[in-house]
Amino acid sequence: MPFGPSVVSMALATRTDRRPSMTRTLWDSSVGKKTIMAVSGLVMLGYLVAHMVGNLKIFFGPGEFDRYAHWLRTMGEPVLHYSWGLWLVRVVLVAAVVLHGVSAYQLSRRDIKARPTKYVHKRARTSYATRTMRWGGVILALFIVWHILDLTTGTVHSGGFQEGHPYQNVVDTFSTWYGNVIYIVAMLAMGLHVQHGFWSAAQTLGVGNATRDRVLKTLANLLAAVLTAGFVSVPVAVMTGLVS
C-alpha cells in the first residue's frame, strides 16, 4: 500500500526538524571556535617548545644535530615504520594549523559584520600583540610555507641542498641576508602571537581568573621571550661565526 500524503509530510518534517550534531553546533558557535583556537594553539605551542629544544642541538656540532634529525625519522620504531612517527606529528600539526587559521578567519569576519563601523578611537588598553594578531598569523602562515620549501624539500634552498645533512642546510640558509631577515621577522611575530595567544587560550578554557591573571600574563611573556630568543639564537650564531 503506498504511503499517503500525511505520512510523507511527517517524514519530511522529521528529517527537517533534526537537530544538528554536537560537533556542528560547536563549530558554528563563536565559543566553539574560540575553544578550537585555544586547543589547537596549545598543540602548536607544545610543538614549538620541542622544536626549539631540538634546534639548540646545533650548538653541539653537526654530528649531534644530524643525529637528532635522523632520530625524528626513526622515532616510534620498531612499533612504527620509518618516518611514520614524523608523519603522524606532521598530520596533527597540519590539522591544528588549519583549524586554528579557519577559526581565526571566521571569528574575524563575524567581528567585522557585528561592528561594520570602525572604532573612532582605539582602546588604549589594547596591547600591541593583540592589535597585530591577524597580520602576525598571516606572516607565520607564509613563513611555514617558506620554511618547508627551504629546509624540508630544498625547493627554495640557497646553494646546494644536501639530503641527510640538515646541519649544513641550516648554515647555508642563515649565511644569506634574506634567510636571516625572513626567519627573524617570523620569530618576532611568533613571539607576539604566543604572548597574547597563551593568555587568551587560558581565558577561553576557563583557567584564568582575577587572581591568576598576573601569573598567566607573566608566564605568557616568559614563554614568548624564551621561544623567541631560542629560535633567533640559531641564525645569530651562524651570522657571528659561532656555528659554521
Protein backbone atom coordinates (compact mmCIF):
# COMPACT_ATOMS: atom_id res chain seq x y z
CA MET A 1 0.00 0.00 0.00
CA PRO A 2 1.58 3.38 -0.98
CA PHE A 3 2.25 5.97 1.69
CA GLY A 4 -0.35 8.69 1.97
CA PRO A 5 0.46 12.42 1.77
CA SER A 6 0.28 12.77 5.54
CA VAL A 7 2.90 10.07 6.11
CA VAL A 8 5.26 11.65 3.58
CA SER A 9 4.77 15.07 5.15
CA MET A 10 5.54 13.68 8.61
CA ALA A 11 8.71 12.00 7.36
CA LEU A 12 9.92 15.22 5.70
CA ALA A 13 9.10 17.23 8.80
CA THR A 14 11.01 14.77 10.98
CA ARG A 15 14.04 14.99 8.70
CA THR A 16 13.86 18.80 8.62
CA ASP A 17 13.47 19.10 12.40
CA ARG A 18 16.56 17.04 13.14
CA ARG A 19 18.91 18.91 15.39
CA PRO A 20 22.47 19.48 14.18
CA SER A 21 25.14 17.29 15.72
CA MET A 22 27.08 18.44 18.76
CA THR A 23 30.20 18.78 16.60
CA ARG A 24 28.36 21.01 14.13
CA THR A 25 26.90 23.09 16.94
CA LEU A 26 30.34 23.52 18.49
CA TRP A 27 31.88 24.55 15.17
CA ASP A 28 29.10 27.03 14.35
CA SER A 29 29.22 28.86 17.69
CA SER A 30 31.70 31.61 18.50
CA VAL A 31 32.51 29.94 21.82
CA GLY A 32 33.21 26.69 19.99
CA LYS A 33 35.52 28.37 17.51
CA LYS A 34 37.41 30.10 20.32
CA THR A 35 37.76 26.75 22.10
CA ILE A 36 39.09 25.13 18.91
CA MET A 37 41.53 28.01 18.51
CA ALA A 38 42.69 27.62 22.11
CA VAL A 39 43.23 23.85 21.94
CA SER A 40 44.91 23.92 18.50
CA GLY A 41 47.07 26.83 19.66
CA LEU A 42 48.26 24.86 22.68
CA VAL A 43 49.08 21.89 20.42
CA MET A 44 51.23 24.17 18.26
CA LEU A 45 52.81 25.74 21.35
CA GLY A 46 53.89 22.30 22.56
CA TYR A 47 55.44 21.65 19.17
CA LEU A 48 57.26 24.99 19.23
CA VAL A 49 58.85 24.20 22.59
CA ALA A 50 60.02 20.77 21.38
CA HIS A 51 61.22 22.22 18.06
CA MET A 52 63.21 24.96 19.78
CA VAL A 53 64.93 22.44 22.06
CA GLY A 54 65.82 20.35 19.02
CA ASN A 55 67.16 23.39 17.17
CA LEU A 56 69.50 24.22 20.03
CA LYS A 57 71.34 20.94 19.40
CA ILE A 58 73.05 22.76 16.54
CA PHE A 59 75.37 24.31 19.15
CA PHE A 60 76.78 20.82 19.86
CA GLY A 61 78.08 20.37 16.32
CA PRO A 62 76.97 18.74 13.06
CA GLY A 63 77.14 15.18 14.40
CA GLU A 64 74.73 15.85 17.26
CA PHE A 65 72.33 17.90 15.12
CA ASP A 66 72.28 15.44 12.23
CA ARG A 67 71.67 12.52 14.62
CA TYR A 68 68.74 14.41 16.10
CA ALA A 69 67.29 14.97 12.61
CA HIS A 70 67.72 11.26 11.85
CA TRP A 71 66.00 10.32 15.12
CA LEU A 72 62.94 12.34 14.07
CA ARG A 73 62.51 9.88 11.21
CA THR A 74 63.07 6.77 13.32
CA MET A 75 61.08 7.72 16.43
CA GLY A 76 58.48 5.13 17.25
CA GLU A 77 60.46 2.24 15.76
CA PRO A 78 60.10 -0.70 15.80
CA VAL A 79 56.38 -0.24 16.52
CA LEU A 80 56.12 2.29 13.68
CA HIS A 81 57.78 2.09 10.29
CA TYR A 82 60.47 4.55 9.21
CA SER A 83 59.14 8.15 9.20
CA TRP A 84 55.64 7.14 10.33
CA GLY A 85 56.09 8.89 13.68
CA LEU A 86 57.27 12.06 11.95
CA TRP A 87 54.36 11.98 9.51
CA LEU A 88 51.94 11.46 12.39
CA VAL A 89 53.28 14.63 14.01
CA ARG A 90 53.00 16.46 10.70
CA VAL A 91 49.37 15.41 10.22
CA VAL A 92 48.44 16.58 13.72
CA LEU A 93 50.24 19.89 13.17
CA VAL A 94 48.60 20.49 9.78
CA ALA A 95 45.19 19.81 11.33
CA ALA A 96 45.97 22.19 14.21
CA VAL A 97 47.18 24.94 11.84
CA VAL A 98 44.13 24.60 9.55
CA LEU A 99 41.62 24.57 12.41
CA HIS A 100 43.38 27.49 14.08
CA GLY A 101 43.54 29.56 10.92
CA VAL A 102 39.99 28.86 9.73
CA SER A 103 38.54 29.56 13.18
CA ALA A 104 40.50 32.82 13.44
CA TYR A 105 39.35 33.95 9.99
CA GLN A 106 35.69 33.14 10.62
CA LEU A 107 35.71 34.83 14.03
CA SER A 108 37.32 37.88 12.44
CA ARG A 109 34.61 38.01 9.77
CA ARG A 110 31.90 37.74 12.42
CA ASP A 111 33.53 40.52 14.39
CA ILE A 112 33.61 42.77 11.31
CA LYS A 113 29.96 42.04 10.48
CA ALA A 114 28.92 42.73 14.07
CA ARG A 115 30.75 46.07 14.03
CA PRO A 116 30.56 47.39 10.45
CA THR A 117 31.63 50.86 11.62
CA LYS A 118 35.23 51.04 12.76
CA TYR A 119 36.01 52.44 16.16
CA VAL A 120 36.94 56.12 16.03
CA HIS A 121 39.45 55.68 18.83
CA LYS A 122 41.40 52.52 19.55
CA ARG A 123 41.21 51.35 23.11
CA ALA A 124 44.31 52.37 24.99
CA ARG A 125 44.35 49.08 26.91
CA THR A 126 44.68 47.02 23.74
CA SER A 127 48.22 45.69 23.60
CA TYR A 128 50.46 45.81 20.55
CA ALA A 129 50.40 42.00 20.39
CA THR A 130 46.58 41.99 20.35
CA ARG A 131 46.38 44.51 17.51
CA THR A 132 48.87 42.56 15.41
CA MET A 133 47.47 39.04 15.93
CA ARG A 134 45.85 38.99 12.50
CA TRP A 135 48.78 40.05 10.37
CA GLY A 136 51.09 38.09 12.65
CA GLY A 137 49.14 34.95 11.80
CA VAL A 138 49.45 35.68 8.08
CA ILE A 139 53.23 36.19 8.44
CA LEU A 140 53.57 32.88 10.27
CA ALA A 141 51.48 31.03 7.68
CA LEU A 142 53.67 32.36 4.86
CA PHE A 143 56.80 31.56 6.85
CA ILE A 144 55.74 27.95 7.38
CA VAL A 145 55.42 27.51 3.62
CA TRP A 146 58.84 29.08 3.01
CA HIS A 147 60.45 27.10 5.85
CA ILE A 148 59.21 23.78 4.44
CA LEU A 149 60.32 24.64 0.91
CA ASP A 150 63.71 25.73 2.24
CA LEU A 151 64.77 23.10 4.78
CA THR A 152 62.43 20.14 4.14
CA THR A 153 62.09 19.88 0.37
CA GLY A 154 65.02 22.13 -0.58
CA THR A 155 62.97 23.78 -3.34
CA VAL A 156 63.98 27.36 -2.49
CA HIS A 157 67.14 26.49 -0.60
CA SER A 158 70.17 28.69 -1.23
CA GLY A 159 73.12 26.75 -2.64
CA GLY A 160 73.05 23.00 -2.96
CA PHE A 161 70.51 21.28 -0.71
CA GLN A 162 72.05 18.18 0.86
CA GLU A 163 69.62 15.44 1.76
CA GLY A 164 70.52 13.93 5.13
CA HIS A 165 72.76 16.86 6.14
CA PRO A 166 70.44 19.26 7.98
CA TYR A 167 73.27 20.99 9.84
CA GLN A 168 74.87 22.20 6.62
CA ASN A 169 71.49 23.13 5.16
CA VAL A 170 70.72 25.32 8.18
CA VAL A 171 74.13 27.01 7.94
CA ASP A 172 73.55 27.65 4.22
CA THR A 173 70.18 29.27 4.87
CA PHE A 174 71.46 31.59 7.57
CA SER A 175 74.51 32.51 5.55
CA THR A 176 72.23 34.66 3.37
CA TRP A 177 70.86 38.04 4.44
CA TYR A 178 67.32 37.28 3.25
CA GLY A 179 67.25 33.94 5.06
CA ASN A 180 68.08 35.71 8.31
CA VAL A 181 65.56 38.53 7.72
CA ILE A 182 62.70 36.16 6.90
CA TYR A 183 63.43 33.92 9.87
CA ILE A 184 63.96 36.64 12.48
CA VAL A 185 60.88 38.63 11.43
CA ALA A 186 58.79 35.47 11.58
CA MET A 187 60.14 34.57 15.03
CA LEU A 188 59.34 38.06 16.35
CA ALA A 189 55.80 37.67 15.01
CA MET A 190 55.66 34.23 16.65
CA GLY A 191 56.70 35.71 19.99
CA LEU A 192 53.93 38.31 19.88
CA HIS A 193 51.44 35.62 18.83
CA VAL A 194 52.42 33.36 21.72
CA GLN A 195 52.39 36.24 24.20
CA HIS A 196 48.75 37.09 23.53
CA GLY A 197 47.58 33.65 22.39
CA PHE A 198 48.64 31.77 25.53
CA TRP A 199 46.83 34.19 27.83
CA SER A 200 43.78 34.25 25.55
CA ALA A 201 43.66 30.43 25.43
CA ALA A 202 43.75 30.28 29.23
CA GLN A 203 40.77 32.64 29.41
CA THR A 204 38.83 30.66 26.80
CA LEU A 205 39.42 27.34 28.56
CA GLY A 206 38.39 28.79 31.92
CA VAL A 207 41.82 28.59 33.52
CA GLY A 208 42.19 32.32 34.04
CA ASN A 209 40.54 34.39 36.71
CA ALA A 210 41.19 37.61 38.61
CA THR A 211 43.73 36.02 40.96
CA ARG A 212 45.60 34.07 38.27
CA ASP A 213 45.61 36.83 35.66
CA ARG A 214 49.00 38.27 36.61
CA VAL A 215 50.62 34.82 36.80
CA LEU A 216 49.25 33.81 33.41
CA LYS A 217 50.41 37.04 31.77
CA THR A 218 53.86 36.62 33.31
CA LEU A 219 54.02 33.03 32.06
CA ALA A 220 52.89 34.15 28.59
CA ASN A 221 55.61 36.82 28.49
CA LEU A 222 58.21 34.31 29.67
CA LEU A 223 57.21 31.70 27.10
CA ALA A 224 57.26 34.27 24.31
CA ALA A 225 60.68 35.59 25.36
CA VAL A 226 62.27 32.13 25.73
CA LEU A 227 60.89 30.83 22.42
CA THR A 228 61.89 33.96 20.51
CA ALA A 229 65.38 34.00 21.99
CA GLY A 230 65.84 30.26 21.44
CA PHE A 231 64.85 30.33 17.78
CA VAL A 232 66.64 33.58 16.94
CA SER A 233 69.86 32.37 18.59
CA VAL A 234 70.46 29.94 15.68
CA PRO A 235 70.67 32.50 12.82
CA VAL A 236 72.58 34.88 15.10
CA ALA A 237 75.09 32.11 15.85
CA VAL A 238 75.59 31.47 12.13
CA MET A 239 75.94 35.18 11.36
CA THR A 240 78.55 35.65 14.07
CA GLY A 241 80.51 32.51 13.12
CA LEU A 242 79.74 30.67 16.35
CA VAL A 243 78.09 27.97 14.21
CA SER A 244 79.69 27.31 10.83
